[in-house]
Amino acid sequence: LGRWSHVKTISSHLARDRYGRVALVQLHPHTGRTHQLRRHMAALGHPIVGDDKYWAAELPEMRGLGLLLCATGLTLPHPSSREALCVRAPLPAAFLDFCGAEVRRAAGAP
């Protein structure tokens, strides 16, 4: 976390679902600092899968898979009315495919 450790930038990191060695978590950042979520999750000992910069050495086979980080929701003020504008999106297929593969791996399936 380094120089930003004193700033509360994530309100919660809730494990939504576990898939073998990985978990799907929901993060709520308060700011848009560069690498904010990546740095915090790595500092907590739970780096984001595919993160080439902050990835843990103990799972080298997951390094370089492409960063499995996405926004499924965004709330911002409408430019005219200033009312909350909420945009939602489903998880990408790559996330679901990866989680399914982890479940199969944990169960010993090929």
Foldseek 3Di string as FASTA:
>chain_A
DPPCPVPPFWPDWAFPQDQAPATDTDTDGPDDDPCVVQVVCLVVVHGFFQDQPRDDPVCVVRHNPDGQDDDQKDWFQDPPPGDIDMDGHDRDPVVVVVSVVSNCVNVVHD
